[in-house]
Amino acid sequence: MTSGYTVHPPRTIAEVFKNLPEGTPAQLIENNIVMEPSPTYYHQSILMEISSQLHKYVKKHQLGEVLTAPMDVFLGKKNVFQPDILFIINERLSIIHEDGLHGAPDLVIEILSPATAKYDLEEKKDIYERFGVKEYWIVEPGIHSVQGFSLINDHFEQMKTKIGEINSHLLNFSFNF
């Protein structure tokens, strides 16, 4: 006896990605599955320091939601990212769904890793810009260098590079790590 339908194998890269086991360290970048190793201790330490300060500030001022990886962020049909840290303003919390975010976060922070630095600095930066991320911060953990980009007239403008400091214009908040 059959159930009346046929289960087919995945036909697209997006379907393959969607069928990966929960927690698989992978992202879909321009329709390519990019696997990555677990983050290093130093990477995680910086992630915790930044995210805890950001979370405390956002919660105190009731500004929105701060989330950390792994959290799928769906940007069109060809891109599903897992940013290290992201922030969504209250007015846009409806983009949060059970399976992840469907739309661009307002702020994204990526902590560079050797396996993913090229993507964070190039492809993902361009896609974040195209989908309207208001601020994008890239942290280089070894030297605490921070590159910031602010979306102005639909294009990222680079802010002054800092060492160990994120100065968010979006949140009107500056903190050191």
C-alpha atoms as a PDB file:
ATOM      1  CA  MET A   1       0.000   0.000   0.000  1.00  0.00           C
ATOM      2  CA  THR A   2       1.326   3.421  -0.938  1.00  0.00           C
ATOM      3  CA  SER A   3       0.638   6.732   0.707  1.00  0.00           C
ATOM      4  CA  GLY A   4      -0.358   8.434  -2.519  1.00  0.00           C
ATOM      5  CA  TYR A   5       2.751  10.564  -2.943  1.00  0.00           C
ATOM      6  CA  THR A   6       6.374  10.063  -3.822  1.00  0.00           C
ATOM      7  CA  VAL A   7       9.182  11.412  -1.701  1.00  0.00           C
ATOM      8  CA  HIS A   8      11.861  12.733  -4.025  1.00  0.00           C
ATOM      9  CA  PRO A   9      15.498  13.408  -3.272  1.00  0.00           C
ATOM     10  CA  PRO A  10      16.528  17.057  -2.995  1.00  0.00           C
ATOM     11  CA  ARG A  11      16.649  18.685  -6.435  1.00  0.00           C
ATOM     12  CA  THR A  12      18.313  21.994  -5.638  1.00  0.00           C
ATOM     13  CA  ILE A  13      21.219  23.102  -3.483  1.00  0.00           C
ATOM     14  CA  ALA A  14      18.726  25.012  -1.308  1.00  0.00           C
ATOM     15  CA  GLU A  15      16.782  21.750  -0.726  1.00  0.00           C
ATOM     16  CA  VAL A  16      20.012  19.925   0.172  1.00  0.00           C
ATOM     17  CA  PHE A  17      20.852  22.727   2.618  1.00  0.00           C
ATOM     18  CA  LYS A  18      17.384  22.624   4.166  1.00  0.00           C
ATOM     19  CA  ASN A  19      17.743  18.873   4.758  1.00  0.00           C
ATOM     20  CA  LEU A  20      21.060  19.130   6.651  1.00  0.00           C
ATOM     21  CA  PRO A  21      20.788  18.005  10.276  1.00  0.00           C
ATOM     22  CA  GLU A  22      19.985  20.728  12.785  1.00  0.00           C
ATOM     23  CA  GLY A  23      23.149  22.380  14.075  1.00  0.00           C
ATOM     24  CA  THR A  24      25.250  21.558  11.015  1.00  0.00           C
ATOM     25  CA  PRO A  25      27.926  24.271  10.784  1.00  0.00           C
ATOM     26  CA  ALA A  26      27.062  25.346   7.239  1.00  0.00           C
ATOM     27  CA  GLN A  27      25.852  28.387   5.359  1.00  0.00           C
ATOM     28  CA  LEU A  28      24.340  28.828   1.914  1.00  0.00           C
ATOM     29  CA  ILE A  29      26.288  31.567   0.126  1.00  0.00           C
ATOM     30  CA  GLU A  30      25.175  32.425  -3.399  1.00  0.00           C
ATOM     31  CA  ASN A  31      23.710  28.920  -3.759  1.00  0.00           C
ATOM     32  CA  ASN A  32      26.892  27.149  -2.536  1.00  0.00           C
ATOM     33  CA  ILE A  33      26.957  25.174   0.687  1.00  0.00           C
ATOM     34  CA  VAL A  34      29.927  26.339   2.738  1.00  0.00           C
ATOM     35  CA  MET A  35      30.894  24.041   5.613  1.00  0.00           C
ATOM     36  CA  GLU A  36      32.970  25.427   8.457  1.00  0.00           C
ATOM     37  CA  PRO A  37      34.811  23.980  11.436  1.00  0.00           C
ATOM     38  CA  SER A  38      33.767  24.780  14.993  1.00  0.00           C
ATOM     39  CA  PRO A  39      34.941  28.204  16.158  1.00  0.00           C
ATOM     40  CA  THR A  40      38.090  28.510  18.246  1.00  0.00           C
ATOM     41  CA  TYR A  41      38.119  29.306  21.946  1.00  0.00           C
ATOM     42  CA  TYR A  42      39.344  32.857  21.222  1.00  0.00           C
ATOM     43  CA  HIS A  43      36.539  33.391  18.696  1.00  0.00           C
ATOM     44  CA  GLN A  44      33.930  32.210  21.202  1.00  0.00           C
ATOM     45  CA  SER A  45      35.417  34.287  24.008  1.00  0.00           C
ATOM     46  CA  ILE A  46      35.137  37.476  21.940  1.00  0.00           C
ATOM     47  CA  LEU A  47      31.637  36.497  20.797  1.00  0.00           C
ATOM     48  CA  MET A  48      30.521  36.119  24.419  1.00  0.00           C
ATOM     49  CA  GLU A  49      32.105  39.415  25.477  1.00  0.00           C
ATOM     50  CA  ILE A  50      30.507  41.418  22.663  1.00  0.00           C
ATOM     51  CA  SER A  51      27.125  39.676  22.730  1.00  0.00           C
ATOM     52  CA  SER A  52      26.739  39.956  26.506  1.00  0.00           C
ATOM     53  CA  GLN A  53      27.434  43.716  26.471  1.00  0.00           C
ATOM     54  CA  LEU A  54      25.149  44.235  23.502  1.00  0.00           C
ATOM     55  CA  HIS A  55      22.377  42.084  24.993  1.00  0.00           C
ATOM     56  CA  LYS A  56      22.533  43.905  28.330  1.00  0.00           C
ATOM     57  CA  TYR A  57      22.301  47.317  26.630  1.00  0.00           C
ATOM     58  CA  VAL A  58      19.468  46.306  24.263  1.00  0.00           C
ATOM     59  CA  LYS A  59      17.467  44.678  27.061  1.00  0.00           C
ATOM     60  CA  LYS A  60      17.939  47.640  29.428  1.00  0.00           C
ATOM     61  CA  HIS A  61      16.662  50.072  26.783  1.00  0.00           C
ATOM     62  CA  GLN A  62      14.052  47.660  25.337  1.00  0.00           C
ATOM     63  CA  LEU A  63      15.349  48.165  21.791  1.00  0.00           C
ATOM     64  CA  GLY A  64      14.753  44.737  20.241  1.00  0.00           C
ATOM     65  CA  GLU A  65      16.389  41.316  20.159  1.00  0.00           C
ATOM     66  CA  VAL A  66      20.039  40.179  20.158  1.00  0.00           C
ATOM     67  CA  LEU A  67      20.763  36.639  18.923  1.00  0.00           C
ATOM     68  CA  THR A  68      23.932  34.627  18.357  1.00  0.00           C
ATOM     69  CA  ALA A  69      24.975  31.823  16.016  1.00  0.00           C
ATOM     70  CA  PRO A  70      23.806  29.391  15.039  1.00  0.00           C
ATOM     71  CA  MET A  71      20.684  31.181  13.807  1.00  0.00           C
ATOM     72  CA  ASP A  72      19.748  30.876  10.149  1.00  0.00           C
ATOM     73  CA  VAL A  73      19.177  34.187   8.375  1.00  0.00           C
ATOM     74  CA  PHE A  74      17.348  33.698   5.071  1.00  0.00           C
ATOM     75  CA  LEU A  75      18.258  36.348   2.494  1.00  0.00           C
ATOM     76  CA  GLY A  76      16.489  35.352  -0.703  1.00  0.00           C
ATOM     77  CA  LYS A  77      16.585  31.838  -2.147  1.00  0.00           C
ATOM     78  CA  LYS A  78      20.366  31.571  -2.562  1.00  0.00           C
ATOM     79  CA  ASN A  79      21.624  32.763   0.826  1.00  0.00           C
ATOM     80  CA  VAL A  80      21.212  31.435   4.347  1.00  0.00           C
ATOM     81  CA  PHE A  81      23.809  32.865   6.723  1.00  0.00           C
ATOM     82  CA  GLN A  82      24.615  32.227  10.371  1.00  0.00           C
ATOM     83  CA  PRO A  83      26.076  35.518  11.609  1.00  0.00           C
ATOM     84  CA  ASP A  84      27.965  35.419  14.889  1.00  0.00           C
ATOM     85  CA  ILE A  85      25.813  38.158  16.454  1.00  0.00           C
ATOM     86  CA  LEU A  86      22.741  39.930  15.139  1.00  0.00           C
ATOM     87  CA  PHE A  87      20.264  42.535  16.314  1.00  0.00           C
ATOM     88  CA  ILE A  88      16.686  43.232  15.209  1.00  0.00           C
ATOM     89  CA  ILE A  89      14.814  46.380  16.242  1.00  0.00           C
ATOM     90  CA  ASN A  90      11.410  45.991  17.943  1.00  0.00           C
ATOM     91  CA  GLU A  91       9.499  47.197  14.907  1.00  0.00           C
ATOM     92  CA  ARG A  92      10.934  44.342  12.799  1.00  0.00           C
ATOM     93  CA  LEU A  93      10.704  41.407  15.234  1.00  0.00           C
ATOM     94  CA  SER A  94       8.131  39.811  12.889  1.00  0.00           C
ATOM     95  CA  ILE A  95      11.033  38.578  10.702  1.00  0.00           C
ATOM     96  CA  ILE A  96      11.876  36.070  13.463  1.00  0.00           C
ATOM     97  CA  HIS A  97      10.324  32.666  12.749  1.00  0.00           C
ATOM     98  CA  GLU A  98      10.762  29.224  14.305  1.00  0.00           C
ATOM     99  CA  ASP A  99      13.340  28.230  11.670  1.00  0.00           C
ATOM    100  CA  GLY A 100      15.293  31.512  11.727  1.00  0.00           C
ATOM    101  CA  LEU A 101      15.115  35.072  10.431  1.00  0.00           C
ATOM    102  CA  HIS A 102      13.398  35.728   7.131  1.00  0.00           C
ATOM    103  CA  GLY A 103      14.908  39.058   6.166  1.00  0.00           C
ATOM    104  CA  ALA A 104      17.896  41.175   7.019  1.00  0.00           C
ATOM    105  CA  PRO A 105      18.827  41.879  10.636  1.00  0.00           C
ATOM    106  CA  ASP A 106      19.388  45.539  11.430  1.00  0.00           C
ATOM    107  CA  LEU A 107      22.909  44.932  12.745  1.00  0.00           C
ATOM    108  CA  VAL A 108      25.309  42.045  12.081  1.00  0.00           C
ATOM    109  CA  ILE A 109      28.646  41.320  13.762  1.00  0.00           C
ATOM    110  CA  GLU A 110      30.964  38.703  12.259  1.00  0.00           C
ATOM    111  CA  ILE A 111      34.087  37.523  14.059  1.00  0.00           C
ATOM    112  CA  LEU A 112      36.627  36.425  11.477  1.00  0.00           C
ATOM    113  CA  SER A 113      37.823  32.842  11.332  1.00  0.00           C
ATOM    114  CA  PRO A 114      40.456  31.548   8.905  1.00  0.00           C
ATOM    115  CA  ALA A 115      37.893  29.283   7.211  1.00  0.00           C
ATOM    116  CA  THR A 116      35.276  31.997   6.642  1.00  0.00           C
ATOM    117  CA  ALA A 117      37.118  35.358   6.557  1.00  0.00           C
ATOM    118  CA  LYS A 118      37.001  35.629   2.761  1.00  0.00           C
ATOM    119  CA  TYR A 119      33.224  35.174   2.771  1.00  0.00           C
ATOM    120  CA  ASP A 120      32.673  37.651   5.632  1.00  0.00           C
ATOM    121  CA  LEU A 121      34.824  40.320   3.976  1.00  0.00           C
ATOM    122  CA  GLU A 122      33.539  39.885   0.426  1.00  0.00           C
ATOM    123  CA  GLU A 123      30.434  37.899  -0.585  1.00  0.00           C
ATOM    124  CA  LYS A 124      28.525  38.172   2.679  1.00  0.00           C
ATOM    125  CA  LYS A 125      29.346  41.876   3.033  1.00  0.00           C
ATOM    126  CA  ASP A 126      27.950  42.532  -0.458  1.00  0.00           C
ATOM    127  CA  ILE A 127      24.820  40.486   0.243  1.00  0.00           C
ATOM    128  CA  TYR A 128      24.222  42.162   3.618  1.00  0.00           C
ATOM    129  CA  GLU A 129      24.462  45.500   1.819  1.00  0.00           C
ATOM    130  CA  ARG A 130      22.085  44.392  -0.957  1.00  0.00           C
ATOM    131  CA  PHE A 131      19.487  43.133   1.542  1.00  0.00           C
ATOM    132  CA  GLY A 132      19.603  46.285   3.704  1.00  0.00           C
ATOM    133  CA  VAL A 133      21.560  45.448   6.875  1.00  0.00           C
ATOM    134  CA  LYS A 134      21.912  48.884   8.479  1.00  0.00           C
ATOM    135  CA  GLU A 135      25.253  48.197  10.219  1.00  0.00           C
ATOM    136  CA  TYR A 136      27.830  45.498   9.603  1.00  0.00           C
ATOM    137  CA  TRP A 137      30.778  44.990  11.953  1.00  0.00           C
ATOM    138  CA  ILE A 138      33.740  42.705  11.234  1.00  0.00           C
ATOM    139  CA  VAL A 139      36.023  41.795  14.150  1.00  0.00           C
ATOM    140  CA  GLU A 140      39.488  40.354  13.620  1.00  0.00           C
ATOM    141  CA  PRO A 141      40.062  38.446  16.874  1.00  0.00           C
ATOM    142  CA  GLY A 142      43.874  38.258  16.881  1.00  0.00           C
ATOM    143  CA  ILE A 143      44.348  42.021  16.994  1.00  0.00           C
ATOM    144  CA  HIS A 144      40.822  43.146  18.012  1.00  0.00           C
ATOM    145  CA  SER A 145      40.613  45.221  14.819  1.00  0.00           C
ATOM    146  CA  VAL A 146      37.051  46.313  14.042  1.00  0.00           C
ATOM    147  CA  GLN A 147      35.797  47.395  10.614  1.00  0.00           C
ATOM    148  CA  GLY A 148      32.365  48.965  10.596  1.00  0.00           C
ATOM    149  CA  PHE A 149      30.029  49.648   7.693  1.00  0.00           C
ATOM    150  CA  SER A 150      26.928  51.805   7.808  1.00  0.00           C
ATOM    151  CA  LEU A 151      24.207  51.609   5.153  1.00  0.00           C
ATOM    152  CA  ILE A 152      23.694  55.057   3.637  1.00  0.00           C
ATOM    153  CA  ASN A 153      21.548  55.472   0.517  1.00  0.00           C
ATOM    154  CA  ASP A 154      21.546  51.673  -0.034  1.00  0.00           C
ATOM    155  CA  HIS A 155      25.361  51.432   0.027  1.00  0.00           C
ATOM    156  CA  PHE A 156      27.803  50.571   2.780  1.00  0.00           C
ATOM    157  CA  GLU A 157      30.119  53.351   3.821  1.00  0.00           C
ATOM    158  CA  GLN A 158      33.120  52.275   5.853  1.00  0.00           C
ATOM    159  CA  MET A 159      33.551  53.829   9.253  1.00  0.00           C
ATOM    160  CA  LYS A 160      36.892  54.477  10.896  1.00  0.00           C
ATOM    161  CA  THR A 161      38.669  51.230  11.817  1.00  0.00           C
ATOM    162  CA  LYS A 162      39.048  50.856  15.580  1.00  0.00           C
ATOM    163  CA  ILE A 163      40.927  48.519  17.902  1.00  0.00           C
ATOM    164  CA  GLY A 164      38.784  46.757  20.490  1.00  0.00           C
ATOM    165  CA  GLU A 165      35.816  49.107  20.151  1.00  0.00           C
ATOM    166  CA  ILE A 166      32.456  48.934  18.426  1.00  0.00           C
ATOM    167  CA  ASN A 167      30.699  52.268  18.078  1.00  0.00           C
ATOM    168  CA  SER A 168      27.175  51.625  16.782  1.00  0.00           C
ATOM    169  CA  HIS A 169      25.435  54.664  15.341  1.00  0.00           C
ATOM    170  CA  LEU A 170      22.267  52.589  14.975  1.00  0.00           C
ATOM    171  CA  LEU A 171      22.121  51.856  18.716  1.00  0.00           C
ATOM    172  CA  ASN A 172      23.867  55.028  19.865  1.00  0.00           C
ATOM    173  CA  PHE A 173      26.117  52.749  21.877  1.00  0.00           C
ATOM    174  CA  SER A 174      29.858  52.219  22.114  1.00  0.00           C
ATOM    175  CA  PHE A 175      31.651  49.428  23.957  1.00  0.00           C
ATOM    176  CA  ASN A 176      35.104  47.916  24.295  1.00  0.00           C
ATOM    177  CA  PHE A 177      36.151  44.302  24.339  1.00  0.00           C
END
